[in-house]
Amino acid sequence: GIESEGGALRTLEPCEFLLVPRTIVSKANQTHKQDCLHERNSFLRKHFPGARDLDPRAFDHFASSFTQTTLPTRHAICKAGEVVGADAKRVYILKRGTCTILL
């Protein structure tokens, strides 16, 4: 349990752990982050009109404004021509998956 002063992590039964130096985890995290940025930038340069023509500094600024999210099945992005909720201030670029328009 966690104690009120300072806290403690205690095992409640015999537990097996996998241990790895924190520096290895940090390096792996940084590598993954760089891979994700490279994938995003490559996708935008290939599929977003005009992205290839931007100078590197402008492209970096533009690309850094994107965040990635996964929407659940049957999520309504818009209804009857109106954007739903917080989606009103966003532009969506479909990277992977399938959407449909229901009439």
PDB file of N, CA and C in Angstrom:
ATOM      1  N   GLY A   1       0.814  -1.187   0.000  1.00  0.00           N
ATOM      2  CA  GLY A   1       0.000   0.000   0.000  1.00  0.00           C
ATOM      3  C   GLY A   1       0.856   1.248   0.000  1.00  0.00           C
ATOM      4  N   ILE A   2       0.251   2.389  -0.127  1.00  0.00           N
ATOM      5  CA  ILE A   2       0.955   3.673  -0.096  1.00  0.00           C
ATOM      6  C   ILE A   2       0.687   4.337   1.239  1.00  0.00           C
ATOM      7  N   GLU A   3       1.768   4.687   1.916  1.00  0.00           N
ATOM      8  CA  GLU A   3       1.657   5.346   3.218  1.00  0.00           C
ATOM      9  C   GLU A   3       1.447   6.834   3.022  1.00  0.00           C
ATOM     10  N   SER A   4       0.823   7.492   4.014  1.00  0.00           N
ATOM     11  CA  SER A   4       0.491   8.902   3.878  1.00  0.00           C
ATOM     12  C   SER A   4       1.722   9.806   3.874  1.00  0.00           C
ATOM     13  N   GLU A   5       2.802   9.432   4.546  1.00  0.00           N
ATOM     14  CA  GLU A   5       4.009  10.263   4.553  1.00  0.00           C
ATOM     15  C   GLU A   5       5.079   9.637   3.685  1.00  0.00           C
ATOM     16  N   GLY A   6       5.360  10.269   2.564  1.00  0.00           N
ATOM     17  CA  GLY A   6       6.430   9.789   1.699  1.00  0.00           C
ATOM     18  C   GLY A   6       6.018   8.668   0.776  1.00  0.00           C
ATOM     19  N   GLY A   7       5.138   7.823   1.179  1.00  0.00           N
ATOM     20  CA  GLY A   7       4.664   6.740   0.342  1.00  0.00           C
ATOM     21  C   GLY A   7       5.670   5.609   0.217  1.00  0.00           C
ATOM     22  N   ALA A   8       5.183   4.447  -0.101  1.00  0.00           N
ATOM     23  CA  ALA A   8       6.023   3.266  -0.297  1.00  0.00           C
ATOM     24  C   ALA A   8       5.284   2.302  -1.195  1.00  0.00           C
ATOM     25  N   LEU A   9       6.023   1.650  -2.049  1.00  0.00           N
ATOM     26  CA  LEU A   9       5.468   0.588  -2.869  1.00  0.00           C
ATOM     27  C   LEU A   9       5.901  -0.719  -2.230  1.00  0.00           C
ATOM     28  N   ARG A  10       4.925  -1.532  -1.843  1.00  0.00           N
ATOM     29  CA  ARG A  10       5.227  -2.786  -1.162  1.00  0.00           C
ATOM     30  C   ARG A  10       4.562  -3.934  -1.894  1.00  0.00           C
ATOM     31  N   THR A  11       5.244  -5.046  -1.935  1.00  0.00           N
ATOM     32  CA  THR A  11       4.649  -6.232  -2.522  1.00  0.00           C
ATOM     33  C   THR A  11       3.673  -6.837  -1.522  1.00  0.00           C
ATOM     34  N   LEU A  12       2.578  -7.358  -2.013  1.00  0.00           N
ATOM     35  CA  LEU A  12       1.584  -8.000  -1.163  1.00  0.00           C
ATOM     36  C   LEU A  12       1.684  -9.519  -1.241  1.00  0.00           C
ATOM     37  N   GLU A  13       2.534  -9.988  -2.131  1.00  0.00           N
ATOM     38  CA  GLU A  13       2.812 -11.412  -2.307  1.00  0.00           C
ATOM     39  C   GLU A  13       4.153 -11.489  -3.030  1.00  0.00           C
ATOM     40  N   PRO A  14       4.757 -12.671  -3.157  1.00  0.00           N
ATOM     41  CA  PRO A  14       5.992 -12.760  -3.928  1.00  0.00           C
ATOM     42  C   PRO A  14       5.743 -12.261  -5.358  1.00  0.00           C
ATOM     43  N   CYS A  15       6.558 -11.341  -5.828  1.00  0.00           N
ATOM     44  CA  CYS A  15       6.386 -10.725  -7.146  1.00  0.00           C
ATOM     45  C   CYS A  15       7.662 -10.863  -7.966  1.00  0.00           C
ATOM     46  N   GLU A  16       7.503 -11.108  -9.251  1.00  0.00           N
ATOM     47  CA  GLU A  16       8.639 -11.118 -10.161  1.00  0.00           C
ATOM     48  C   GLU A  16       8.655  -9.792 -10.902  1.00  0.00           C
ATOM     49  N   PHE A  17       9.815  -9.215 -11.040  1.00  0.00           N
ATOM     50  CA  PHE A  17       9.984  -7.957 -11.764  1.00  0.00           C
ATOM     51  C   PHE A  17      11.011  -8.138 -12.861  1.00  0.00           C
ATOM     52  N   LEU A  18      10.874  -7.377 -13.904  1.00  0.00           N
ATOM     53  CA  LEU A  18      11.917  -7.222 -14.897  1.00  0.00           C
ATOM     54  C   LEU A  18      12.556  -5.870 -14.626  1.00  0.00           C
ATOM     55  N   LEU A  19      13.843  -5.835 -14.470  1.00  0.00           N
ATOM     56  CA  LEU A  19      14.550  -4.593 -14.157  1.00  0.00           C
ATOM     57  C   LEU A  19      15.399  -4.175 -15.339  1.00  0.00           C
ATOM     58  N   VAL A  20      15.440  -2.891 -15.561  1.00  0.00           N
ATOM     59  CA  VAL A  20      16.261  -2.337 -16.636  1.00  0.00           C
ATOM     60  C   VAL A  20      16.748  -0.961 -16.159  1.00  0.00           C
ATOM     61  N   PRO A  21      17.977  -0.614 -16.481  1.00  0.00           N
ATOM     62  CA  PRO A  21      18.467   0.713 -16.084  1.00  0.00           C
ATOM     63  C   PRO A  21      17.603   1.824 -16.690  1.00  0.00           C
ATOM     64  N   ARG A  22      17.334   2.845 -15.913  1.00  0.00           N
ATOM     65  CA  ARG A  22      16.513   3.975 -16.341  1.00  0.00           C
ATOM     66  C   ARG A  22      17.066   4.616 -17.620  1.00  0.00           C
ATOM     67  N   THR A  23      18.394   4.659 -17.756  1.00  0.00           N
ATOM     68  CA  THR A  23      18.991   5.270 -18.950  1.00  0.00           C
ATOM     69  C   THR A  23      18.600   4.518 -20.220  1.00  0.00           C
ATOM     70  N   ILE A  24      18.455   3.200 -20.127  1.00  0.00           N
ATOM     71  CA  ILE A  24      18.047   2.403 -21.285  1.00  0.00           C
ATOM     72  C   ILE A  24      16.604   2.726 -21.665  1.00  0.00           C
ATOM     73  N   VAL A  25      15.745   2.861 -20.678  1.00  0.00           N
ATOM     74  CA  VAL A  25      14.345   3.199 -20.926  1.00  0.00           C
ATOM     75  C   VAL A  25      14.258   4.594 -21.549  1.00  0.00           C
ATOM     76  N   SER A  26      15.018   5.536 -21.025  1.00  0.00           N
ATOM     77  CA  SER A  26      15.002   6.903 -21.563  1.00  0.00           C
ATOM     78  C   SER A  26      15.462   6.926 -23.014  1.00  0.00           C
ATOM     79  N   LYS A  27      16.510   6.197 -23.309  1.00  0.00           N
ATOM     80  CA  LYS A  27      17.027   6.141 -24.681  1.00  0.00           C
ATOM     81  C   LYS A  27      15.997   5.514 -25.621  1.00  0.00           C
ATOM     82  N   ALA A  28      15.368   4.417 -25.184  1.00  0.00           N
ATOM     83  CA  ALA A  28      14.348   3.760 -26.003  1.00  0.00           C
ATOM     84  C   ALA A  28      13.159   4.688 -26.233  1.00  0.00           C
ATOM     85  N   ASN A  29      12.776   5.440 -25.213  1.00  0.00           N
ATOM     86  CA  ASN A  29      11.673   6.385 -25.336  1.00  0.00           C
ATOM     87  C   ASN A  29      12.012   7.485 -26.338  1.00  0.00           C
ATOM     88  N   GLN A  30      13.217   8.012 -26.262  1.00  0.00           N
ATOM     89  CA  GLN A  30      13.647   9.050 -27.204  1.00  0.00           C
ATOM     90  C   GLN A  30      13.679   8.520 -28.640  1.00  0.00           C
ATOM     91  N   THR A  31      14.171   7.298 -28.809  1.00  0.00           N
ATOM     92  CA  THR A  31      14.221   6.695 -30.137  1.00  0.00           C
ATOM     93  C   THR A  31      12.817   6.523 -30.693  1.00  0.00           C
ATOM     94  N   HIS A  32      11.895   6.049 -29.858  1.00  0.00           N
ATOM     95  CA  HIS A  32      10.504   5.876 -30.293  1.00  0.00           C
ATOM     96  C   HIS A  32       9.886   7.226 -30.673  1.00  0.00           C
ATOM     97  N   LYS A  33      10.140   8.227 -29.874  1.00  0.00           N
ATOM     98  CA  LYS A  33       9.605   9.566 -30.152  1.00  0.00           C
ATOM     99  C   LYS A  33      10.127  10.090 -31.495  1.00  0.00           C
ATOM    100  N   GLN A  34      11.420   9.917 -31.747  1.00  0.00           N
ATOM    101  CA  GLN A  34      12.012  10.353 -33.014  1.00  0.00           C
ATOM    102  C   GLN A  34      11.427   9.576 -34.192  1.00  0.00           C
ATOM    103  N   ASP A  35      11.221   8.282 -34.015  1.00  0.00           N
ATOM    104  CA  ASP A  35      10.613   7.462 -35.072  1.00  0.00           C
ATOM    105  C   ASP A  35       9.201   7.949 -35.390  1.00  0.00           C
ATOM    106  N   CYS A  36       8.428   8.271 -34.360  1.00  0.00           N
ATOM    107  CA  CYS A  36       7.060   8.769 -34.557  1.00  0.00           C
ATOM    108  C   CYS A  36       7.064  10.114 -35.288  1.00  0.00           C
ATOM    109  N   LEU A  37       7.982  10.994 -34.916  1.00  0.00           N
ATOM    110  CA  LEU A  37       8.077  12.296 -35.588  1.00  0.00           C
ATOM    111  C   LEU A  37       8.458  12.125 -37.057  1.00  0.00           C
ATOM    112  N   HIS A  38       9.391  11.233 -37.324  1.00  0.00           N
ATOM    113  CA  HIS A  38       9.815  10.977 -38.701  1.00  0.00           C
ATOM    114  C   HIS A  38       8.646  10.418 -39.521  1.00  0.00           C
ATOM    115  N   GLU A  39       7.894   9.477 -38.937  1.00  0.00           N
ATOM    116  CA  GLU A  39       6.743   8.901 -39.631  1.00  0.00           C
ATOM    117  C   GLU A  39       5.698   9.969 -39.927  1.00  0.00           C
ATOM    118  N   ARG A  40       5.406  10.823 -38.934  1.00  0.00           N
ATOM    119  CA  ARG A  40       4.425  11.896 -39.126  1.00  0.00           C
ATOM    120  C   ARG A  40       4.877  12.850 -40.228  1.00  0.00           C
ATOM    121  N   ASN A  41       6.143  13.274 -40.158  1.00  0.00           N
ATOM    122  CA  ASN A  41       6.651  14.221 -41.146  1.00  0.00           C
ATOM    123  C   ASN A  41       6.650  13.633 -42.553  1.00  0.00           C
ATOM    124  N   SER A  42       7.029  12.374 -42.683  1.00  0.00           N
ATOM    125  CA  SER A  42       7.018  11.711 -43.995  1.00  0.00           C
ATOM    126  C   SER A  42       5.604  11.636 -44.550  1.00  0.00           C
ATOM    127  N   PHE A  43       4.652  11.289 -43.675  1.00  0.00           N
ATOM    128  CA  PHE A  43       3.257  11.208 -44.100  1.00  0.00           C
ATOM    129  C   PHE A  43       2.759  12.573 -44.577  1.00  0.00           C
ATOM    130  N   LEU A  44       3.019  13.623 -43.807  1.00  0.00           N
ATOM    131  CA  LEU A  44       2.551  14.960 -44.189  1.00  0.00           C
ATOM    132  C   LEU A  44       3.198  15.429 -45.485  1.00  0.00           C
ATOM    133  N   ARG A  45       4.482  15.214 -45.630  1.00  0.00           N
ATOM    134  CA  ARG A  45       5.164  15.630 -46.870  1.00  0.00           C
ATOM    135  C   ARG A  45       4.589  14.902 -48.090  1.00  0.00           C
ATOM    136  N   LYS A  46       4.202  13.656 -47.907  1.00  0.00           N
ATOM    137  CA  LYS A  46       3.682  12.865 -49.029  1.00  0.00           C
ATOM    138  C   LYS A  46       2.220  13.172 -49.330  1.00  0.00           C
ATOM    139  N   HIS A  47       1.382  13.354 -48.302  1.00  0.00           N
ATOM    140  CA  HIS A  47      -0.062  13.403 -48.511  1.00  0.00           C
ATOM    141  C   HIS A  47      -0.715  14.765 -48.313  1.00  0.00           C
ATOM    142  N   PHE A  48      -0.055  15.723 -47.679  1.00  0.00           N
ATOM    143  CA  PHE A  48      -0.694  17.018 -47.441  1.00  0.00           C
ATOM    144  C   PHE A  48      -0.272  17.986 -48.543  1.00  0.00           C
ATOM    145  N   PRO A  49      -1.234  18.496 -49.323  1.00  0.00           N
ATOM    146  CA  PRO A  49      -0.893  19.382 -50.443  1.00  0.00           C
ATOM    147  C   PRO A  49      -0.062  20.585 -49.992  1.00  0.00           C
ATOM    148  N   GLY A  50       1.031  20.808 -50.686  1.00  0.00           N
ATOM    149  CA  GLY A  50       1.893  21.951 -50.415  1.00  0.00           C
ATOM    150  C   GLY A  50       2.959  21.726 -49.358  1.00  0.00           C
ATOM    151  N   ALA A  51       2.877  20.647 -48.611  1.00  0.00           N
ATOM    152  CA  ALA A  51       3.840  20.413 -47.526  1.00  0.00           C
ATOM    153  C   ALA A  51       5.264  20.227 -48.058  1.00  0.00           C
ATOM    154  N   ARG A  52       5.389  19.607 -49.212  1.00  0.00           N
ATOM    155  CA  ARG A  52       6.732  19.394 -49.784  1.00  0.00           C
ATOM    156  C   ARG A  52       7.401  20.702 -50.187  1.00  0.00           C
ATOM    157  N   ASP A  53       6.592  21.715 -50.470  1.00  0.00           N
ATOM    158  CA  ASP A  53       7.137  22.983 -50.947  1.00  0.00           C
ATOM    159  C   ASP A  53       7.531  23.947 -49.832  1.00  0.00           C
ATOM    160  N   LEU A  54       7.187  23.629 -48.596  1.00  0.00           N
ATOM    161  CA  LEU A  54       7.538  24.511 -47.481  1.00  0.00           C
ATOM    162  C   LEU A  54       9.025  24.409 -47.166  1.00  0.00           C
ATOM    163  N   ASP A  55       9.611  25.539 -46.767  1.00  0.00           N
ATOM    164  CA  ASP A  55      11.008  25.473 -46.336  1.00  0.00           C
ATOM    165  C   ASP A  55      11.062  24.688 -45.025  1.00  0.00           C
ATOM    166  N   PRO A  56      12.216  24.099 -44.696  1.00  0.00           N
ATOM    167  CA  PRO A  56      12.307  23.217 -43.528  1.00  0.00           C
ATOM    168  C   PRO A  56      11.805  23.831 -42.222  1.00  0.00           C
ATOM    169  N   ARG A  57      12.110  25.089 -41.976  1.00  0.00           N
ATOM    170  CA  ARG A  57      11.679  25.719 -40.730  1.00  0.00           C
ATOM    171  C   ARG A  57      10.159  25.867 -40.670  1.00  0.00           C
ATOM    172  N   ALA A  58       9.565  26.305 -41.776  1.00  0.00           N
ATOM    173  CA  ALA A  58       8.107  26.447 -41.829  1.00  0.00           C
ATOM    174  C   ALA A  58       7.434  25.080 -41.714  1.00  0.00           C
ATOM    175  N   PHE A  59       8.010  24.073 -42.387  1.00  0.00           N
ATOM    176  CA  PHE A  59       7.433  22.733 -42.296  1.00  0.00           C
ATOM    177  C   PHE A  59       7.495  22.205 -40.866  1.00  0.00           C
ATOM    178  N   ASP A  60       8.619  22.375 -40.186  1.00  0.00           N
ATOM    179  CA  ASP A  60       8.747  21.904 -38.802  1.00  0.00           C
ATOM    180  C   ASP A  60       7.702  22.549 -37.902  1.00  0.00           C
ATOM    181  N   HIS A  61       7.476  23.849 -38.078  1.00  0.00           N
ATOM    182  CA  HIS A  61       6.463  24.552 -37.289  1.00  0.00           C
ATOM    183  C   HIS A  61       5.072  23.994 -37.601  1.00  0.00           C
ATOM    184  N   PHE A  62       4.788  23.841 -38.891  1.00  0.00           N
ATOM    185  CA  PHE A  62       3.506  23.309 -39.346  1.00  0.00           C
ATOM    186  C   PHE A  62       3.295  21.893 -38.807  1.00  0.00           C
ATOM    187  N   ALA A  63       4.274  21.022 -38.991  1.00  0.00           N
ATOM    188  CA  ALA A  63       4.140  19.613 -38.595  1.00  0.00           C
ATOM    189  C   ALA A  63       4.015  19.455 -37.082  1.00  0.00           C
ATOM    190  N   SER A  64       4.686  20.312 -36.333  1.00  0.00           N
ATOM    191  CA  SER A  64       4.653  20.179 -34.867  1.00  0.00           C
ATOM    192  C   SER A  64       3.287  20.519 -34.275  1.00  0.00           C
ATOM    193  N   SER A  65       2.411  21.147 -35.064  1.00  0.00           N
ATOM    194  CA  SER A  65       1.081  21.482 -34.553  1.00  0.00           C
ATOM    195  C   SER A  65       0.115  20.298 -34.602  1.00  0.00           C
ATOM    196  N   PHE A  66       0.503  19.222 -35.269  1.00  0.00           N
ATOM    197  CA  PHE A  66      -0.355  18.043 -35.371  1.00  0.00           C
ATOM    198  C   PHE A  66      -0.187  17.147 -34.157  1.00  0.00           C
ATOM    199  N   THR A  67      -1.285  16.587 -33.700  1.00  0.00           N
ATOM    200  CA  THR A  67      -1.259  15.524 -32.693  1.00  0.00           C
ATOM    201  C   THR A  67      -1.973  14.330 -33.295  1.00  0.00           C
ATOM    202  N   GLN A  68      -1.626  13.158 -32.824  1.00  0.00           N
ATOM    203  CA  GLN A  68      -2.255  11.952 -33.342  1.00  0.00           C
ATOM    204  C   GLN A  68      -3.239  11.419 -32.322  1.00  0.00           C
ATOM    205  N   THR A  69      -4.372  10.971 -32.803  1.00  0.00           N
ATOM    206  CA  THR A  69      -5.374  10.369 -31.935  1.00  0.00           C
ATOM    207  C   THR A  69      -6.024   9.208 -32.663  1.00  0.00           C
ATOM    208  N   THR A  70      -6.576   8.300 -31.913  1.00  0.00           N
ATOM    209  CA  THR A  70      -7.330   7.191 -32.483  1.00  0.00           C
ATOM    210  C   THR A  70      -8.763   7.324 -32.009  1.00  0.00           C
ATOM    211  N   LEU A  71      -9.667   7.375 -32.946  1.00  0.00           N
ATOM    212  CA  LEU A  71     -11.083   7.491 -32.604  1.00  0.00           C
ATOM    213  C   LEU A  71     -11.719   6.111 -32.609  1.00  0.00           C
ATOM    214  N   PRO A  72     -12.682   5.893 -31.718  1.00  0.00           N
ATOM    215  CA  PRO A  72     -13.322   4.580 -31.653  1.00  0.00           C
ATOM    216  C   PRO A  72     -14.244   4.340 -32.850  1.00  0.00           C
ATOM    217  N   THR A  73     -14.561   3.099 -33.071  1.00  0.00           N
ATOM    218  CA  THR A  73     -15.515   2.732 -34.107  1.00  0.00           C
ATOM    219  C   THR A  73     -16.839   3.461 -33.880  1.00  0.00           C
ATOM    220  N   ARG A  74     -17.423   3.949 -34.950  1.00  0.00           N
ATOM    221  CA  ARG A  74     -18.724   4.632 -34.959  1.00  0.00           C
ATOM    222  C   ARG A  74     -18.677   6.033 -34.345  1.00  0.00           C
ATOM    223  N   HIS A  75     -17.494   6.610 -34.142  1.00  0.00           N
ATOM    224  CA  HIS A  75     -17.398   7.980 -33.637  1.00  0.00           C
ATOM    225  C   HIS A  75     -17.929   8.937 -34.705  1.00  0.00           C
ATOM    226  N   ALA A  76     -18.843   9.832 -34.329  1.00  0.00           N
ATOM    227  CA  ALA A  76     -19.404  10.807 -35.270  1.00  0.00           C
ATOM    228  C   ALA A  76     -18.547  12.067 -35.256  1.00  0.00           C
ATOM    229  N   ILE A  77     -17.875  12.338 -36.363  1.00  0.00           N
ATOM    230  CA  ILE A  77     -17.067  13.555 -36.485  1.00  0.00           C
ATOM    231  C   ILE A  77     -17.978  14.726 -36.837  1.00  0.00           C
ATOM    232  N   CYS A  78     -18.965  14.484 -37.670  1.00  0.00           N
ATOM    233  CA  CYS A  78     -19.957  15.518 -37.969  1.00  0.00           C
ATOM    234  C   CYS A  78     -21.301  14.853 -38.217  1.00  0.00           C
ATOM    235  N   LYS A  79     -22.362  15.648 -38.035  1.00  0.00           N
ATOM    236  CA  LYS A  79     -23.723  15.169 -38.252  1.00  0.00           C
ATOM    237  C   LYS A  79     -24.475  16.214 -39.051  1.00  0.00           C
ATOM    238  N   ALA A  80     -25.206  15.774 -40.037  1.00  0.00           N
ATOM    239  CA  ALA A  80     -26.080  16.643 -40.835  1.00  0.00           C
ATOM    240  C   ALA A  80     -25.409  17.968 -41.187  1.00  0.00           C
ATOM    241  N   GLY A  81     -24.130  17.898 -41.577  1.00  0.00           N
ATOM    242  CA  GLY A  81     -23.419  19.084 -42.008  1.00  0.00           C
ATOM    243  C   GLY A  81     -22.847  19.945 -40.909  1.00  0.00           C
ATOM    244  N   GLU A  82     -23.051  19.576 -39.658  1.00  0.00           N
ATOM    245  CA  GLU A  82     -22.509  20.349 -38.541  1.00  0.00           C
ATOM    246  C   GLU A  82     -21.445  19.542 -37.814  1.00  0.00           C
ATOM    247  N   VAL A  83     -20.381  20.204 -37.473  1.00  0.00           N
ATOM    248  CA  VAL A  83     -19.312  19.543 -36.742  1.00  0.00           C
ATOM    249  C   VAL A  83     -19.749  19.346 -35.298  1.00  0.00           C
ATOM    250  N   VAL A  84     -19.392  18.208 -34.729  1.00  0.00           N
ATOM    251  CA  VAL A  84     -19.835  17.845 -33.386  1.00  0.00           C
ATOM    252  C   VAL A  84     -18.837  18.300 -32.331  1.00  0.00           C
ATOM    253  N   GLY A  85     -19.307  19.024 -31.311  1.00  0.00           N
ATOM    254  CA  GLY A  85     -18.520  19.383 -30.126  1.00  0.00           C
ATOM    255  C   GLY A  85     -17.178  20.030 -30.396  1.00  0.00           C
ATOM    256  N   ALA A  86     -16.155  19.524 -29.701  1.00  0.00           N
ATOM    257  CA  ALA A  86     -14.806  20.075 -29.787  1.00  0.00           C
ATOM    258  C   ALA A  86     -14.206  19.883 -31.172  1.00  0.00           C
ATOM    259  N   ASP A  87     -14.793  19.003 -31.974  1.00  0.00           N
ATOM    260  CA  ASP A  87     -14.266  18.746 -33.313  1.00  0.00           C
ATOM    261  C   ASP A  87     -14.427  19.956 -34.239  1.00  0.00           C
ATOM    262  N   ALA A  88     -15.207  20.955 -33.828  1.00  0.00           N
ATOM    263  CA  ALA A  88     -15.479  22.113 -34.675  1.00  0.00           C
ATOM    264  C   ALA A  88     -14.228  22.913 -35.015  1.00  0.00           C
ATOM    265  N   LYS A  89     -13.206  22.848 -34.192  1.00  0.00           N
ATOM    266  CA  LYS A  89     -12.005  23.653 -34.413  1.00  0.00           C
ATOM    267  C   LYS A  89     -10.838  22.825 -34.915  1.00  0.00           C
ATOM    268  N   ARG A  90     -11.118  21.634 -35.440  1.00  0.00           N
ATOM    269  CA  ARG A  90     -10.052  20.743 -35.888  1.00  0.00           C
ATOM    270  C   ARG A  90     -10.233  20.382 -37.351  1.00  0.00           C
ATOM    271  N   VAL A  91      -9.125  20.129 -37.997  1.00  0.00           N
ATOM    272  CA  VAL A  91      -9.112  19.565 -39.341  1.00  0.00           C
ATOM    273  C   VAL A  91      -8.577  18.152 -39.194  1.00  0.00           C
ATOM    274  N   TYR A  92      -9.265  17.193 -39.777  1.00  0.00           N
ATOM    275  CA  TYR A  92      -8.863  15.795 -39.676  1.00  0.00           C
ATOM    276  C   TYR A  92      -8.176  15.353 -40.960  1.00  0.00           C
ATOM    277  N   ILE A  93      -7.082  14.658 -40.817  1.00  0.00           N
ATOM    278  CA  ILE A  93      -6.402  14.020 -41.937  1.00  0.00           C
ATOM    279  C   ILE A  93      -6.367  12.537 -41.596  1.00  0.00           C
ATOM    280  N   LEU A  94      -7.077  11.739 -42.369  1.00  0.00           N
ATOM    281  CA  LEU A  94      -7.141  10.311 -42.106  1.00  0.00           C
ATOM    282  C   LEU A  94      -5.811   9.671 -42.476  1.00  0.00           C
ATOM    283  N   LYS A  95      -5.143   9.137 -41.500  1.00  0.00           N
ATOM    284  CA  LYS A  95      -3.841   8.509 -41.704  1.00  0.00           C
ATOM    285  C   LYS A  95      -3.985   7.003 -41.930  1.00  0.00           C
ATOM    286  N   ARG A  96      -4.886   6.384 -41.199  1.00  0.00           N
ATOM    287  CA  ARG A  96      -5.065   4.931 -41.279  1.00  0.00           C
ATOM    288  C   ARG A  96      -6.469   4.605 -40.825  1.00  0.00           C
ATOM    289  N   GLY A  97      -7.133   3.712 -41.521  1.00  0.00           N
ATOM    290  CA  GLY A  97      -8.476   3.296 -41.149  1.00  0.00           C
ATOM    291  C   GLY A  97      -9.477   3.621 -42.237  1.00  0.00           C
ATOM    292  N   THR A  98     -10.749   3.453 -41.922  1.00  0.00           N
ATOM    293  CA  THR A  98     -11.816   3.655 -42.891  1.00  0.00           C
ATOM    294  C   THR A  98     -12.936   4.475 -42.252  1.00  0.00           C
ATOM    295  N   CYS A  99     -13.410   5.455 -42.997  1.00  0.00           N
ATOM    296  CA  CYS A  99     -14.561   6.265 -42.593  1.00  0.00           C
ATOM    297  C   CYS A  99     -15.615   6.152 -43.670  1.00  0.00           C
ATOM    298  N   THR A 100     -16.829   6.484 -43.344  1.00  0.00           N
ATOM    299  CA  THR A 100     -17.900   6.475 -44.323  1.00  0.00           C
ATOM    300  C   THR A 100     -18.818   7.670 -44.089  1.00  0.00           C
ATOM    301  N   ILE A 101     -19.523   8.052 -45.125  1.00  0.00           N
ATOM    302  CA  ILE A 101     -20.547   9.092 -45.039  1.00  0.00           C
ATOM    303  C   ILE A 101     -21.884   8.399 -45.140  1.00  0.00           C
ATOM    304  N   LEU A 102     -22.717   8.566 -44.129  1.00  0.00           N
ATOM    305  CA  LEU A 102     -24.051   7.951 -44.124  1.00  0.00           C
ATOM    306  C   LEU A 102     -25.070   9.009 -44.502  1.00  0.00           C
ATOM    307  N   LEU A 103     -25.856   8.715 -45.506  1.00  0.00           N
ATOM    308  CA  LEU A 103     -26.899   9.647 -45.946  1.00  0.00           C
ATOM    309  C   LEU A 103     -28.250   9.190 -45.520  1.00  0.00           C
TER     310      LEU A 103
END
